[in-house]
Protein backbone atom coordinates (compact mmCIF):
# COMPACT_ATOMS: atom_id res chain seq x y z
CA UNK A 1 -28.10 -11.57 3.50
CA UNK A 2 -30.81 -9.44 3.22
CA UNK A 3 -30.14 -6.70 0.54
CA UNK A 4 -33.67 -5.82 -0.02
CA UNK A 5 -33.58 -2.72 2.39
CA UNK A 6 -31.16 0.17 1.75
CA UNK A 7 -27.84 -0.77 2.40
CA UNK A 8 -25.62 1.95 4.51
CA UNK A 9 -22.09 0.65 5.78
CA UNK A 10 -19.52 2.38 7.44
CA UNK A 11 -16.23 2.94 8.61
CA UNK A 12 -15.61 4.03 12.50
CA UNK A 13 -11.81 4.73 12.72
CA UNK A 14 -10.66 6.43 16.16
CA UNK A 15 -8.01 9.29 15.66
CA UNK A 16 -5.40 8.28 17.77
CA UNK A 17 -2.69 7.50 15.41
CA UNK A 18 -1.88 7.19 11.77
CA UNK A 19 -4.29 5.52 9.54
CA UNK A 20 -3.34 1.92 9.55
CA UNK A 21 -3.11 -0.47 6.60
CA UNK A 22 -5.63 -2.63 8.12
CA UNK A 23 -8.00 0.12 8.22
CA UNK A 24 -7.68 0.47 4.51
CA UNK A 25 -8.83 -3.05 4.32
CA UNK A 26 -12.00 -2.72 6.21
CA UNK A 27 -12.84 0.95 4.49
CA UNK A 28 -12.60 -0.65 1.09
CA UNK A 29 -14.68 -3.98 1.77
CA UNK A 30 -17.32 -1.23 3.35
CA UNK A 31 -16.83 0.53 0.48
CA UNK A 32 -17.02 -2.03 -2.53
CA UNK A 33 -19.90 -3.48 -0.28
CA UNK A 34 -22.05 -0.76 -0.33
CA UNK A 35 -21.28 0.58 -4.06
CA UNK A 36 -21.94 -2.93 -5.29
CA UNK A 37 -25.70 -2.66 -3.74
CA UNK A 38 -25.85 0.77 -5.01
CA UNK A 39 -26.16 1.61 -1.31
CA UNK A 40 -24.44 4.32 1.31
CA UNK A 41 -20.83 4.42 2.51
CA UNK A 42 -20.42 6.79 5.84
CA UNK A 43 -17.20 7.65 7.62
CA UNK A 44 -17.38 7.91 11.13
CA UNK A 45 -14.54 9.61 13.34
CA UNK A 46 -15.30 8.15 16.77
CA UNK A 47 -13.05 10.67 18.77
CA UNK A 48 -14.53 10.30 22.05
CA UNK A 49 -11.18 9.67 23.66
CA UNK A 50 -10.11 13.28 24.47
CA UNK A 51 -6.66 12.61 25.50
CA UNK A 52 -5.74 10.59 22.89
CA UNK A 53 -7.57 11.79 19.87
CA UNK A 54 -5.85 14.36 17.28
CA UNK A 55 -6.76 16.43 14.82
CA UNK A 56 -3.96 15.38 13.03
CA UNK A 57 -4.73 11.90 12.83
CA UNK A 58 -8.26 12.60 11.52
CA UNK A 59 -6.46 14.73 8.82
CA UNK A 60 -4.44 11.65 7.98
CA UNK A 61 -7.34 9.33 7.71
CA UNK A 62 -9.16 11.48 5.48
CA UNK A 63 -6.25 12.71 3.51
CA UNK A 64 -5.71 8.53 3.00
CA UNK A 65 -8.98 7.81 1.83
CA UNK A 66 -9.28 10.55 -0.42
CA UNK A 67 -6.05 9.71 -2.07
CA UNK A 68 -7.21 6.19 -2.52
CA UNK A 69 -10.57 7.25 -4.26
CA UNK A 70 -13.02 6.19 -1.22
CA UNK A 71 -15.30 8.67 -0.93
CA UNK A 72 -18.03 8.91 1.54
CA UNK A 73 -21.45 9.92 1.17
CA UNK A 74 -21.23 11.30 4.69
CA UNK A 75 -18.95 12.09 7.74
CA UNK A 76 -19.45 12.69 11.18
CA UNK A 77 -17.59 13.22 14.12
CA UNK A 78 -18.66 11.77 17.47
CA UNK A 79 -17.16 14.63 19.85
CA UNK A 80 -19.86 16.80 18.26
CA UNK A 81 -22.90 14.20 19.56
CA UNK A 82 -22.63 14.27 23.22
CA UNK A 83 -26.19 15.45 23.59
CA UNK A 84 -27.20 12.93 21.51
CA UNK A 85 -25.50 10.31 23.46
CA UNK A 86 -26.89 12.07 26.65
CA UNK A 87 -30.37 11.41 25.47
CA UNK A 88 -29.73 7.56 25.04
CA UNK A 89 -27.88 6.74 28.37
CA UNK A 90 -30.96 8.40 29.86
CA UNK A 91 -33.10 6.44 28.13
CA UNK A 92 -31.57 3.26 28.94
CA UNK A 93 -31.73 4.29 32.76
CA UNK A 94 -35.20 5.46 32.66
CA UNK A 95 -35.76 2.00 31.22
CA UNK A 96 -33.92 0.04 33.95
CA UNK A 97 -31.36 -1.28 31.29
CA UNK A 98 -28.60 1.03 33.09
CA UNK A 99 -28.07 2.16 35.99
CA UNK A 100 -24.91 4.38 37.96
CA UNK A 101 -22.42 2.47 39.86
CA UNK A 102 -18.79 2.25 41.66
CA UNK A 103 -16.42 1.79 39.06
CA UNK A 104 -14.31 -0.90 40.82
CA UNK A 105 -13.28 -1.49 44.13
CA UNK A 106 -10.10 0.32 43.85
CA UNK A 107 -11.89 3.49 42.88
CA UNK A 108 -14.82 3.57 45.45
CA UNK A 109 -15.52 7.33 44.65
CA UNK A 110 -15.67 7.31 40.84
CA UNK A 111 -18.89 6.22 39.42
CA UNK A 112 -19.83 5.10 36.14
CA UNK A 113 -22.86 4.08 34.32
CA UNK A 114 -23.28 0.11 33.42
CA UNK A 115 -25.74 -1.74 31.34
CA UNK A 116 -27.95 -4.30 33.07
CA UNK A 117 -27.27 -7.44 31.75
CA UNK A 118 -30.21 -9.75 31.07
CA UNK A 119 -27.50 -12.75 30.90
CA UNK A 120 -29.19 -14.09 27.79
CA UNK A 121 -27.56 -15.81 25.23
CA UNK A 122 -27.24 -13.63 21.42
CA UNK A 123 -27.23 -15.70 18.28
CA UNK A 124 -26.32 -13.94 15.03
CA UNK A 125 -25.04 -15.23 11.52
CA UNK A 126 -22.12 -13.84 10.48
CA UNK A 127 -22.02 -13.32 6.36
CA UNK A 128 -18.43 -14.71 6.74
CA UNK A 129 -18.04 -16.88 9.67
CA UNK A 130 -21.53 -18.45 9.93
CA UNK A 131 -23.79 -18.86 12.96
CA UNK A 132 -22.46 -17.59 16.22
CA UNK A 133 -23.73 -17.85 19.95
CA UNK A 134 -22.63 -16.12 23.00
CA UNK A 135 -23.84 -16.50 26.26
CA UNK A 136 -23.66 -12.87 27.76
CA UNK A 137 -23.58 -14.01 31.46
CA UNK A 138 -19.96 -13.61 31.82
CA UNK A 139 -19.84 -10.00 29.81
CA UNK A 140 -21.52 -8.78 33.68
CA UNK A 141 -22.84 -6.03 33.74
CA UNK A 142 -20.44 -3.81 31.87
CA UNK A 143 -19.56 -0.24 31.56
CA UNK A 144 -21.31 2.21 28.45
CA UNK A 145 -20.47 5.85 29.97
CA UNK A 146 -17.77 7.06 32.74
CA UNK A 147 -20.46 9.60 33.25
CA UNK A 148 -23.56 11.09 31.42
CA UNK A 149 -20.86 13.57 29.07
CA UNK A 150 -18.12 10.40 28.79
CA UNK A 151 -20.06 7.67 27.00
CA UNK A 152 -17.64 4.80 25.94
CA UNK A 153 -16.81 3.02 22.49
CA UNK A 154 -20.10 0.44 23.00
CA UNK A 155 -22.93 3.08 23.91
CA UNK A 156 -21.74 5.25 20.69
CA UNK A 157 -21.15 2.69 18.34
CA UNK A 158 -24.56 1.59 18.56
CA UNK A 159 -26.17 4.87 18.79
CA UNK A 160 -24.65 6.22 15.78
CA UNK A 161 -25.19 2.88 14.03
CA UNK A 162 -29.21 2.68 14.83
CA UNK A 163 -29.66 6.73 13.86
CA UNK A 164 -27.59 6.47 10.66
CA UNK A 165 -29.48 2.85 9.58
CA UNK A 166 -26.34 0.93 9.24
CA UNK A 167 -27.42 -2.38 7.63
CA UNK A 168 -24.59 -4.04 7.53
CA UNK A 169 -21.40 -3.82 9.94
CA UNK A 170 -18.03 -5.02 8.13
CA UNK A 171 -14.97 -4.85 10.37
CA UNK A 172 -11.93 -7.18 11.43
CA UNK A 173 -12.49 -10.56 13.62
CA UNK A 174 -11.10 -8.76 16.61
CA UNK A 175 -14.25 -6.75 16.83
CA UNK A 176 -16.58 -10.06 17.22
CA UNK A 177 -15.95 -10.30 20.98
CA UNK A 178 -17.78 -6.75 20.95
CA UNK A 179 -20.61 -7.86 19.07
CA UNK A 180 -22.88 -9.39 21.70
CA UNK A 181 -22.50 -6.28 24.26
CA UNK A 182 -23.67 -4.21 21.04
CA UNK A 183 -26.57 -6.29 20.26
CA UNK A 184 -28.00 -5.95 23.94
CA UNK A 185 -27.71 -2.36 23.78
CA UNK A 186 -29.51 -1.90 20.63
CA UNK A 187 -32.32 -4.24 21.47
CA UNK A 188 -32.72 -2.44 24.58
CA UNK A 189 -32.66 0.83 22.93
CA UNK A 190 -34.94 -0.67 20.15
CA UNK A 191 -32.53 -0.42 16.99
CA UNK A 192 -32.98 -2.93 14.13
CA UNK A 193 -30.13 -5.05 14.63
CA UNK A 194 -27.57 -4.63 11.57
CA UNK A 195 -26.05 -7.73 9.80
CA UNK A 196 -22.75 -8.75 10.67
CA UNK A 197 -19.64 -9.75 8.69
CA UNK A 198 -16.11 -10.13 10.34
CA UNK A 199 -13.12 -9.62 8.11
CA UNK A 200 -10.18 -11.98 8.51
CA UNK A 201 -7.36 -10.60 10.41
CA UNK A 202 -3.98 -9.48 7.83
CA UNK A 203 -1.18 -11.85 8.63
CA UNK A 204 2.40 -10.88 8.87
CA UNK A 205 4.56 -12.44 6.21
CA UNK A 206 6.39 -14.57 9.42
CA UNK A 207 3.12 -15.82 10.80
CA UNK A 208 0.59 -14.31 13.21
CA UNK A 209 -1.32 -11.09 13.04
CA UNK A 210 0.36 -8.13 11.27
CA UNK A 211 1.37 -5.27 13.63
CA UNK A 212 3.14 -2.24 13.60
CA UNK A 213 6.10 -4.25 14.39
CA UNK A 214 6.50 -5.78 11.20
CA UNK A 215 9.15 -3.75 8.75
CA UNK A 216 6.67 -4.11 5.61
CA UNK A 217 3.86 -1.90 8.03
CA UNK A 218 4.24 1.75 7.79
CA UNK A 219 1.16 3.97 8.31
CA UNK A 220 -1.05 3.62 4.68
CA UNK A 221 -0.64 7.31 3.37
CA UNK A 222 3.31 7.18 3.40
CA UNK A 223 2.84 4.33 0.59
CA UNK A 224 2.32 7.21 -1.50
CA UNK A 225 5.39 8.62 -0.68
CA UNK A 226 6.83 5.31 -1.49
CA UNK A 227 5.49 5.73 -5.10
CA UNK A 228 2.90 2.95 -4.46
CA UNK A 229 -0.17 4.36 -7.33
CA UNK A 230 -3.43 4.47 -5.28
CA UNK A 231 -5.18 1.82 -7.46
CA UNK A 232 -1.90 -0.50 -7.25
CA UNK A 233 -3.04 -0.27 -3.17
CA UNK A 234 -6.38 -0.79 -3.76
CA UNK A 235 -5.90 -3.71 -5.98
CA UNK A 236 -3.47 -5.41 -3.46
CA UNK A 237 -5.78 -4.84 -0.10
CA UNK A 238 -9.06 -6.19 -2.26
CA UNK A 239 -6.75 -9.64 -2.63
CA UNK A 240 -6.21 -10.24 1.04
CA UNK A 241 -8.45 -12.37 2.09
CA UNK A 242 -10.71 -12.18 -0.98
CA UNK A 243 -10.66 -13.24 -4.57
CA UNK A 244 -13.15 -13.03 -7.64
CA UNK A 245 -13.63 -16.39 -7.91
CA UNK A 246 -11.14 -16.63 -11.26
CA UNK A 247 -7.86 -16.25 -12.08
CA UNK A 248 -7.70 -12.37 -12.75
CA UNK A 249 -5.50 -10.60 -10.09
CA UNK A 250 -4.91 -6.95 -11.64
CA UNK A 251 -8.59 -5.12 -11.32
CA UNK A 252 -9.45 -1.96 -11.01
CA UNK A 253 -12.21 0.00 -8.74
CA UNK A 254 -14.77 -0.24 -11.00
CA UNK A 255 -14.35 -3.66 -11.25
CA UNK A 256 -13.90 -4.33 -7.84
CA UNK A 257 -17.44 -2.97 -7.69
CA UNK A 258 -18.87 -4.90 -10.19
CA UNK A 259 -17.72 -8.38 -8.46
CA UNK A 260 -17.58 -7.66 -4.74
CA UNK A 261 -19.18 -10.50 -3.20
CA UNK A 262 -18.83 -10.75 0.81
CA UNK A 263 -19.50 -14.76 0.49
CA UNK A 264 -15.97 -14.78 -1.49
CA UNK A 265 -14.14 -13.59 1.58
CA UNK A 266 -12.21 -16.33 3.06
CA UNK A 267 -12.95 -17.25 6.62
CA UNK A 268 -9.20 -17.11 7.40
CA UNK A 269 -6.56 -14.69 7.32
CA UNK A 270 -4.91 -13.42 4.32
CA UNK A 271 -1.08 -12.56 4.28
CA UNK A 272 0.85 -9.19 3.57
CA UNK A 273 2.95 -9.63 0.62
CA UNK A 274 5.24 -6.55 0.17
CA UNK A 275 6.48 -8.55 -3.25
CA UNK A 276 3.27 -8.68 -4.48
CA UNK A 277 2.29 -5.03 -3.66
CA UNK A 278 5.46 -4.31 -5.43
CA UNK A 279 4.59 -6.54 -8.72
CA UNK A 280 0.90 -5.32 -8.51
CA UNK A 281 2.28 -1.67 -8.84
CA UNK A 282 4.73 -2.25 -11.47
CA UNK A 283 1.73 -3.69 -13.43
CA UNK A 284 -0.25 -0.04 -12.67
CA UNK A 285 3.27 1.49 -14.10
CA UNK A 286 3.16 0.11 -16.92
CA UNK A 287 -0.09 1.61 -17.78
CA UNK A 288 1.24 5.15 -17.58
CA UNK A 289 2.14 7.31 -20.63
CA UNK A 290 5.84 8.18 -21.17
CA UNK A 291 5.21 11.58 -19.93
CA UNK A 292 3.03 10.51 -16.86
CA UNK A 293 6.01 8.12 -15.79
CA UNK A 294 8.19 11.37 -16.33
CA UNK A 295 6.04 13.14 -13.86
CA UNK A 296 6.09 10.00 -11.55
CA UNK A 297 9.93 9.85 -10.93
CA UNK A 298 10.83 13.76 -11.75
CA UNK A 299 10.81 14.93 -7.61
CA UNK A 300 13.65 12.34 -7.15
CA UNK A 301 15.65 14.25 -10.00
CA UNK A 302 15.85 17.46 -8.36
CA UNK A 303 19.33 17.59 -7.13
CA UNK A 304 20.76 15.74 -10.19
CA UNK A 305 19.24 18.52 -12.15
CA UNK A 306 21.30 21.19 -10.72
CA UNK A 307 24.40 19.21 -11.42
CA UNK A 308 26.93 20.59 -14.07
CA UNK A 309 26.61 16.96 -16.16
CA UNK A 310 22.90 16.53 -16.28
CA UNK A 311 21.18 16.69 -19.55
CA UNK A 312 17.65 16.56 -20.53
CA UNK A 313 18.46 14.94 -23.47
CA UNK A 314 20.06 12.18 -21.90
CA UNK A 315 17.42 12.04 -19.06
CA UNK A 316 15.07 11.19 -21.86
CA UNK A 317 17.16 8.57 -23.03
CA UNK A 318 17.51 6.71 -19.94
CA UNK A 319 13.81 7.14 -18.49
CA UNK A 320 12.85 3.72 -20.41
CA UNK A 321 15.84 1.74 -18.90
CA UNK A 322 14.58 3.34 -15.33
CA UNK A 323 11.00 2.49 -15.97
CA UNK A 324 12.00 -1.37 -16.95
CA UNK A 325 13.72 -1.56 -13.11
CA UNK A 326 10.92 0.29 -11.38
CA UNK A 327 8.54 -0.99 -9.52
CA UNK A 328 8.40 2.02 -7.22
CA UNK A 329 9.98 5.08 -6.50
CA UNK A 330 12.47 3.51 -3.71
CA UNK A 331 13.91 1.60 -6.86
CA UNK A 332 14.75 4.92 -8.55
CA UNK A 333 15.84 6.33 -5.09
CA UNK A 334 18.18 3.33 -4.85
CA UNK A 335 19.66 3.54 -8.60
CA UNK A 336 20.38 7.44 -7.87
CA UNK A 337 21.93 6.87 -3.98
CA UNK A 338 23.72 3.83 -5.14
CA UNK A 339 25.35 5.94 -8.08
CA UNK A 340 23.79 3.21 -10.93
CA UNK A 341 22.57 6.61 -13.38
CA UNK A 342 25.80 8.68 -12.98
CA UNK A 343 27.66 6.95 -15.81
CA UNK A 344 24.99 8.17 -17.88
CA UNK A 345 26.22 11.43 -17.22
CA UNK A 346 29.84 11.92 -16.65
CA UNK A 347 32.73 9.74 -17.40
CA UNK A 348 33.03 6.84 -15.01
CA UNK A 349 36.30 5.95 -13.50
CA UNK A 350 38.01 2.60 -14.76
CA UNK A 351 39.34 0.28 -12.79
CA UNK A 352 42.15 -1.75 -14.95
CA UNK A 353 41.44 -4.87 -13.09
CA UNK A 354 37.78 -5.45 -13.28
CA UNK A 355 37.31 -4.49 -16.55
CA UNK A 356 39.09 -7.81 -17.89
CA UNK A 357 36.95 -10.49 -18.31
CA UNK A 358 37.78 -13.21 -15.88
CA UNK A 359 39.00 -15.54 -18.48
CA UNK A 360 40.74 -13.10 -20.57
CA UNK A 361 43.80 -10.97 -20.21
CA UNK A 362 44.87 -7.31 -19.92
CA UNK A 363 46.54 -7.67 -23.58
CA UNK A 364 43.48 -9.20 -24.91
CA UNK A 365 41.01 -6.88 -23.67
CA UNK A 366 43.35 -4.21 -25.02
CA UNK A 367 42.77 -5.96 -28.60
CA UNK A 368 39.00 -6.41 -28.05
CA UNK A 369 38.31 -3.03 -27.36
CA UNK A 370 40.43 -1.74 -30.05
CA UNK A 371 38.32 -3.65 -32.48
CA UNK A 372 35.13 -2.52 -30.54
CA UNK A 373 35.98 1.16 -31.31
CA UNK A 374 37.14 0.28 -34.96
CA UNK A 375 33.43 -1.50 -35.09
CA UNK A 376 31.58 1.35 -33.63
CA UNK A 377 33.45 3.87 -35.47
CA UNK A 378 32.78 2.43 -39.00
CA UNK A 379 29.02 2.12 -37.82
CA UNK A 380 26.72 4.01 -40.00
CA UNK A 381 22.82 4.38 -39.96
CA UNK A 382 20.63 4.77 -36.98
CA UNK A 383 21.92 3.55 -33.73
CA UNK A 384 19.91 1.32 -31.92
CA UNK A 385 19.95 -1.04 -29.51
CA UNK A 386 19.26 -4.27 -32.23
CA UNK A 387 21.91 -2.32 -34.50
CA UNK A 388 24.78 -2.28 -31.82
CA UNK A 389 24.00 -6.06 -31.64
CA UNK A 390 24.05 -6.47 -34.70
CA UNK A 391 27.53 -4.47 -35.61
CA UNK A 392 29.48 -6.22 -32.25
CA UNK A 393 27.75 -9.93 -32.31
CA UNK A 394 29.78 -12.13 -34.67
CA UNK A 395 33.02 -10.83 -33.12
CA UNK A 396 31.98 -11.19 -29.78
CA UNK A 397 31.06 -14.98 -30.90
CA UNK A 398 34.43 -15.25 -32.45
CA UNK A 399 36.36 -13.97 -29.64
CA UNK A 400 33.81 -15.29 -26.76
CA UNK A 401 31.36 -13.16 -25.75
CA UNK A 402 31.89 -12.30 -21.89
CA UNK A 403 35.74 -10.94 -23.74
CA UNK A 404 34.28 -8.77 -25.46
CA UNK A 405 30.71 -7.69 -23.95
CA UNK A 406 32.03 -7.47 -20.12
CA UNK A 407 35.04 -4.69 -21.08
CA UNK A 408 32.83 -2.59 -23.48
CA UNK A 409 30.16 -2.51 -20.60
CA UNK A 410 32.49 -1.86 -18.35
CA UNK A 411 33.99 0.98 -20.34
CA UNK A 412 30.76 3.03 -20.71
CA UNK A 413 29.20 2.26 -17.07
CA UNK A 414 32.45 1.48 -14.88
CA UNK A 415 29.93 -0.93 -12.91
CA UNK A 416 29.84 -4.62 -12.12
CA UNK A 417 26.28 -3.83 -12.76
CA UNK A 418 24.80 -2.00 -15.56
CA UNK A 419 22.34 -2.34 -18.92
CA UNK A 420 24.10 -4.69 -21.30
CA UNK A 421 26.61 -3.06 -23.70
CA UNK A 422 23.99 -2.43 -26.68
CA UNK A 423 21.56 -0.89 -24.43
CA UNK A 424 24.40 1.63 -23.14
CA UNK A 425 25.70 2.10 -26.65
CA UNK A 426 22.23 3.03 -28.17
CA UNK A 427 21.76 5.26 -25.02
CA UNK A 428 25.14 7.07 -24.63
CA UNK A 429 25.50 7.62 -28.64
CA UNK A 430 28.30 7.08 -30.81
CA UNK A 431 30.54 9.83 -29.68
CA UNK A 432 30.58 9.27 -26.02
CA UNK A 433 30.63 5.73 -26.93
CA UNK A 434 34.07 5.66 -28.33
CA UNK A 435 34.88 8.55 -26.21
CA UNK A 436 34.89 6.01 -23.17
CA UNK A 437 36.17 3.18 -24.98
CA UNK A 438 39.54 4.93 -25.70
CA UNK A 439 39.29 6.35 -22.53
CA UNK A 440 39.54 2.75 -20.89
CA UNK A 441 42.34 1.99 -23.46
CA UNK A 442 44.38 4.54 -22.22
CA UNK A 443 43.68 3.34 -18.68
CA UNK A 444 44.26 -0.13 -19.53
CA UNK A 445 48.02 0.63 -21.47
CA UNK A 446 49.04 2.64 -18.26
CA UNK A 447 48.65 -0.54 -16.21
């Protein structure tokens, strides 16, 4: 690999749909490679397909890259470069490397411009896949433009890469069959040949190439709406098909730039593991300050804040509990939707059958809750998780932990699943905890 000359890489998406997660990884590898060698990174919008290219898709792509911190040194839009492409099409025609021809037997009246294939063998060394050879004879004389005003991909990409002095082309392995055509064109135009690295495919957890049909796959920018932090997504994408050669799993952008080595990109595909993304996001959430985490979840509580039972003081208390259970914003949304947080703000309904532990009786449960009421009433001092546990633990061991702790937890939350009773007591406080246990006893004695 030649790194003596100036390193310039590029990402050249077509704005024909929302920016895909595969595009994020290709962009990231180009960005890391350029930054590692102190080079330049170019973004080029390949919007020559006038029917399918949309400004909103280009904006989505640029917004995604800005969110992820993948800053470019230059931006180009192919639709603004038509005159340049016309000049190079004419050069190819004048030099005998291209000619006007009928498009097909089906459309004999439609002319196109074809590249005159020299029917030679093309060899190049891929930085990931090694030595590759193509016999171009089977390509025939391929189309490079529909007319002088409408060049197609193979022509525009070669002209742009040549004029922008792109030194290294890092792209997905699905593009490898484009390489021989593009090498033929660039040699005919006299451009220097860049070095190529074809990145392995991202694989579905169910096997095969990851596609838009996979349930985990959404447009890249929508991961932001799900509460995936930008550094977490960058970290996750970097490790699909690459690793630093040690046991590190959490790496910042700066660390990735420092150690990125194209030689450590694997030849085979890497799997898209959504559980791994959520785990990595959790590690980055753990780095947020208390106020930063509050800001992270705050938009989800807009409706709850208007409820008469909402309390900012209680919200402050339960934020650490929410944080412990949160890998991304959907976790928090599910807690809200499922009513898992309601009991912090309002007295829960009590099911007089569910509150009884499986090996106990209603009468036994009444006895145990009355004892809990006595212990909590007489508690003096700072009420914490540890002090609540210390106060109740001896009696719990005496009568059976489930016989005491289950009905306390159910009395405080009204749910089968909730934090442990000590956490609930410390969070709700002495007064509310006593009120709810008293209410549960009233409901039990009615039954």
